[in-house]
Structures are given as C-alpha cells and as structure tokens.
Amino acid sequence: MSKRNVTVSMDEETARWARVEAARRDTSVSSLLGDLLREHMEREQSYEAAMHRWLAGPLRPLKRGGRYPSREELHERGDGT
C-alpha cells in the first residue's frame, strides 16, 4: 500500500504524548498516528457495516406478547400536560 505524507498540527501536550507513546511502541510518531487513524477508520467501518446488517434484517418485537405504547403514552408528562 502506498503512503502519503500529510502535515498535522497539534497542541504541545498532545505532541509530547505522541512522542512518548511512539517511543514506547518503538515506532515513529508518523507511524503511530497512521496506525491509530487506521484502527479508528476500521472500527467506524465495522460499526457502519453492522448497523446496516441490523437495519436490513427482519423487524424484531421489543417484547413478547405485550403491546407497544401509543405516541400519546410515550409523551405523557407527570404534570398533567
């Protein structure tokens, strides 16, 4: 996979953490950020795919036997309004 260079700006505290974390992992800050962003992207894509699979599936009842509350019941207030 080819790589692209990008410029990233961050506050000093975050930059310090990134340098320490990269050293702890024996890698560069650039590789650390690339890995973290890829992991985030993959989690997002996985979540989106799971949500689409769920929504594409059959409707499931929220509970067995009972009835769903009406719109009015859902929006009733305890103060009489």
N, C-alpha and C. Protein backbone atom coordinates (compact mmCIF):
# COMPACT_ATOMS: atom_id res chain seq x y z
N MET A 1 0.85 -1.16 0.00
CA MET A 1 0.00 0.00 0.00
C MET A 1 0.90 1.23 0.00
N SER A 2 0.59 2.17 -0.87
CA SER A 2 1.41 3.39 -0.92
C SER A 2 1.02 4.31 0.23
N LYS A 3 1.95 5.15 0.61
CA LYS A 3 1.74 6.07 1.73
C LYS A 3 1.80 7.49 1.21
N ARG A 4 1.06 8.37 1.88
CA ARG A 4 1.07 9.80 1.55
C ARG A 4 1.57 10.58 2.75
N ASN A 5 2.31 11.61 2.49
CA ASN A 5 2.75 12.50 3.56
C ASN A 5 1.68 13.55 3.81
N VAL A 6 1.40 13.80 5.08
CA VAL A 6 0.47 14.86 5.46
C VAL A 6 1.11 15.64 6.61
N THR A 7 0.71 16.88 6.75
CA THR A 7 1.18 17.70 7.85
C THR A 7 0.08 17.78 8.89
N VAL A 8 0.44 17.55 10.14
CA VAL A 8 -0.54 17.54 11.23
C VAL A 8 -0.09 18.56 12.27
N SER A 9 -1.02 19.36 12.74
CA SER A 9 -0.74 20.30 13.83
C SER A 9 -1.48 19.84 15.07
N MET A 10 -0.82 19.97 16.22
CA MET A 10 -1.46 19.59 17.48
C MET A 10 -0.84 20.42 18.60
N ASP A 11 -1.53 20.45 19.73
CA ASP A 11 -1.01 21.20 20.86
C ASP A 11 0.21 20.48 21.44
N GLU A 12 0.99 21.20 22.21
CA GLU A 12 2.26 20.68 22.73
C GLU A 12 2.07 19.45 23.62
N GLU A 13 1.04 19.46 24.45
CA GLU A 13 0.81 18.31 25.34
C GLU A 13 0.52 17.04 24.54
N THR A 14 -0.30 17.17 23.49
CA THR A 14 -0.61 16.02 22.64
C THR A 14 0.63 15.56 21.89
N ALA A 15 1.42 16.50 21.40
CA ALA A 15 2.65 16.15 20.69
C ALA A 15 3.62 15.42 21.61
N ARG A 16 3.72 15.87 22.85
CA ARG A 16 4.60 15.22 23.83
C ARG A 16 4.12 13.79 24.07
N TRP A 17 2.81 13.62 24.27
CA TRP A 17 2.27 12.28 24.48
C TRP A 17 2.57 11.39 23.28
N ALA A 18 2.38 11.93 22.07
CA ALA A 18 2.61 11.15 20.85
C ALA A 18 4.07 10.70 20.75
N ARG A 19 4.99 11.59 21.09
CA ARG A 19 6.42 11.21 21.05
C ARG A 19 6.72 10.11 22.06
N VAL A 20 6.20 10.25 23.26
CA VAL A 20 6.43 9.23 24.30
C VAL A 20 5.79 7.91 23.90
N GLU A 21 4.56 7.96 23.42
CA GLU A 21 3.85 6.74 23.03
C GLU A 21 4.55 6.06 21.86
N ALA A 22 5.00 6.83 20.89
CA ALA A 22 5.72 6.26 19.75
C ALA A 22 7.01 5.59 20.22
N ALA A 23 7.73 6.24 21.13
CA ALA A 23 8.97 5.64 21.66
C ALA A 23 8.66 4.36 22.42
N ARG A 24 7.57 4.38 23.20
CA ARG A 24 7.18 3.18 23.96
C ARG A 24 6.89 2.01 23.02
N ARG A 25 6.30 2.32 21.87
CA ARG A 25 5.96 1.28 20.88
C ARG A 25 7.10 1.02 19.90
N ASP A 26 8.21 1.72 20.09
CA ASP A 26 9.37 1.58 19.21
C ASP A 26 9.01 1.86 17.76
N THR A 27 8.35 2.99 17.53
CA THR A 27 7.95 3.39 16.19
C THR A 27 8.06 4.91 16.09
N SER A 28 7.74 5.44 14.94
CA SER A 28 7.77 6.90 14.75
C SER A 28 6.40 7.49 15.07
N VAL A 29 6.39 8.79 15.31
CA VAL A 29 5.12 9.48 15.54
C VAL A 29 4.24 9.34 14.29
N SER A 30 4.85 9.44 13.13
CA SER A 30 4.11 9.30 11.88
C SER A 30 3.42 7.93 11.79
N SER A 31 4.17 6.87 12.08
CA SER A 31 3.59 5.52 12.05
C SER A 31 2.52 5.34 13.12
N LEU A 32 2.78 5.90 14.31
CA LEU A 32 1.80 5.82 15.39
C LEU A 32 0.48 6.46 14.96
N LEU A 33 0.55 7.68 14.42
CA LEU A 33 -0.67 8.36 14.00
C LEU A 33 -1.36 7.61 12.87
N GLY A 34 -0.59 7.11 11.93
CA GLY A 34 -1.18 6.34 10.84
C GLY A 34 -1.89 5.10 11.35
N ASP A 35 -1.26 4.39 12.29
CA ASP A 35 -1.88 3.18 12.87
C ASP A 35 -3.14 3.53 13.65
N LEU A 36 -3.07 4.58 14.47
CA LEU A 36 -4.24 4.98 15.26
C LEU A 36 -5.41 5.39 14.36
N LEU A 37 -5.11 6.14 13.31
CA LEU A 37 -6.17 6.56 12.38
C LEU A 37 -6.75 5.37 11.63
N ARG A 38 -5.90 4.44 11.22
CA ARG A 38 -6.40 3.25 10.51
C ARG A 38 -7.31 2.43 11.44
N GLU A 39 -6.89 2.24 12.70
CA GLU A 39 -7.72 1.50 13.66
C GLU A 39 -9.07 2.19 13.85
N HIS A 40 -9.05 3.51 13.96
CA HIS A 40 -10.29 4.26 14.13
C HIS A 40 -11.17 4.09 12.89
N MET A 41 -10.59 4.20 11.70
CA MET A 41 -11.34 4.04 10.46
C MET A 41 -11.97 2.64 10.39
N GLU A 42 -11.20 1.61 10.73
CA GLU A 42 -11.71 0.24 10.66
C GLU A 42 -12.84 0.02 11.66
N ARG A 43 -12.73 0.59 12.87
CA ARG A 43 -13.83 0.48 13.85
C ARG A 43 -15.08 1.15 13.33
N GLU A 44 -14.92 2.34 12.75
CA GLU A 44 -16.06 3.07 12.20
C GLU A 44 -16.72 2.27 11.09
N GLN A 45 -15.91 1.73 10.18
CA GLN A 45 -16.45 0.96 9.07
C GLN A 45 -17.14 -0.31 9.57
N SER A 46 -16.56 -0.94 10.57
CA SER A 46 -17.15 -2.14 11.14
C SER A 46 -18.50 -1.82 11.78
N TYR A 47 -18.57 -0.72 12.52
CA TYR A 47 -19.82 -0.30 13.15
C TYR A 47 -20.87 0.00 12.09
N GLU A 48 -20.48 0.74 11.05
CA GLU A 48 -21.42 1.09 9.98
C GLU A 48 -21.95 -0.18 9.31
N ALA A 49 -21.06 -1.13 9.03
CA ALA A 49 -21.47 -2.37 8.37
C ALA A 49 -22.43 -3.16 9.27
N ALA A 50 -22.13 -3.24 10.56
CA ALA A 50 -23.01 -3.95 11.50
C ALA A 50 -24.37 -3.28 11.58
N MET A 51 -24.39 -1.95 11.61
CA MET A 51 -25.65 -1.23 11.68
C MET A 51 -26.48 -1.49 10.42
N HIS A 52 -25.84 -1.47 9.25
CA HIS A 52 -26.57 -1.73 8.00
C HIS A 52 -27.11 -3.16 7.97
N ARG A 53 -26.32 -4.13 8.47
CA ARG A 53 -26.81 -5.51 8.52
C ARG A 53 -28.02 -5.61 9.44
N TRP A 54 -27.96 -4.95 10.60
CA TRP A 54 -29.06 -4.99 11.56
C TRP A 54 -30.31 -4.36 10.95
N LEU A 55 -30.15 -3.19 10.35
CA LEU A 55 -31.30 -2.49 9.78
C LEU A 55 -31.89 -3.22 8.58
N ALA A 56 -31.07 -3.98 7.86
CA ALA A 56 -31.55 -4.72 6.70
C ALA A 56 -32.26 -6.01 7.10
N GLY A 57 -32.10 -6.43 8.34
CA GLY A 57 -32.70 -7.67 8.81
C GLY A 57 -34.18 -7.52 9.10
N PRO A 58 -34.81 -8.62 9.51
CA PRO A 58 -36.24 -8.58 9.82
C PRO A 58 -36.51 -7.74 11.08
N LEU A 59 -37.69 -7.15 11.13
CA LEU A 59 -38.09 -6.41 12.33
C LEU A 59 -38.26 -7.39 13.48
N ARG A 60 -37.86 -6.98 14.64
CA ARG A 60 -37.97 -7.84 15.83
C ARG A 60 -38.82 -7.14 16.86
N PRO A 61 -39.69 -7.88 17.53
CA PRO A 61 -40.50 -7.23 18.57
C PRO A 61 -39.63 -6.80 19.75
N LEU A 62 -40.02 -5.71 20.38
CA LEU A 62 -39.27 -5.24 21.55
C LEU A 62 -39.52 -6.12 22.76
N LYS A 63 -40.72 -6.68 22.85
CA LYS A 63 -41.02 -7.59 23.96
C LYS A 63 -42.04 -8.61 23.48
N ARG A 64 -42.12 -9.70 24.18
CA ARG A 64 -43.04 -10.77 23.77
C ARG A 64 -44.44 -10.52 24.32
N GLY A 65 -45.42 -10.68 23.47
CA GLY A 65 -46.81 -10.67 23.91
C GLY A 65 -47.43 -9.31 24.11
N GLY A 66 -46.77 -8.37 24.70
CA GLY A 66 -47.37 -7.09 25.04
C GLY A 66 -47.64 -6.23 23.82
N ARG A 67 -48.04 -5.00 24.09
CA ARG A 67 -48.29 -4.06 23.00
C ARG A 67 -47.33 -2.89 23.13
N TYR A 68 -47.09 -2.25 22.02
CA TYR A 68 -46.26 -1.05 22.04
C TYR A 68 -47.09 0.11 22.57
N PRO A 69 -46.49 1.01 23.34
CA PRO A 69 -47.25 2.17 23.81
C PRO A 69 -47.59 3.11 22.65
N SER A 70 -48.70 3.82 22.79
CA SER A 70 -49.08 4.78 21.75
C SER A 70 -48.16 6.00 21.83
N ARG A 71 -48.23 6.81 20.81
CA ARG A 71 -47.43 8.05 20.81
C ARG A 71 -47.80 8.91 22.01
N GLU A 72 -49.08 9.01 22.29
CA GLU A 72 -49.55 9.83 23.41
C GLU A 72 -49.00 9.30 24.74
N GLU A 73 -49.02 7.97 24.90
CA GLU A 73 -48.49 7.38 26.12
C GLU A 73 -46.99 7.64 26.27
N LEU A 74 -46.28 7.59 25.16
CA LEU A 74 -44.84 7.83 25.21
C LEU A 74 -44.51 9.26 25.62
N HIS A 75 -45.39 10.19 25.26
CA HIS A 75 -45.10 11.60 25.51
C HIS A 75 -45.89 12.18 26.67
N GLU A 76 -46.57 11.33 27.46
CA GLU A 76 -47.29 11.82 28.63
C GLU A 76 -46.32 12.41 29.63
N ARG A 77 -46.78 13.43 30.30
CA ARG A 77 -45.96 14.03 31.36
C ARG A 77 -46.66 13.82 32.68
N GLY A 78 -45.90 13.75 33.72
CA GLY A 78 -46.45 13.56 35.05
C GLY A 78 -47.12 14.79 35.62
N ASP A 79 -46.98 15.95 34.95
CA ASP A 79 -47.54 17.19 35.49
C ASP A 79 -48.91 17.52 34.92
N GLY A 80 -49.55 16.55 34.26
CA GLY A 80 -50.90 16.75 33.75
C GLY A 80 -50.96 17.38 32.37
N THR A 81 -49.84 17.62 31.73
CA THR A 81 -49.87 18.21 30.39
C THR A 81 -49.59 17.19 29.33
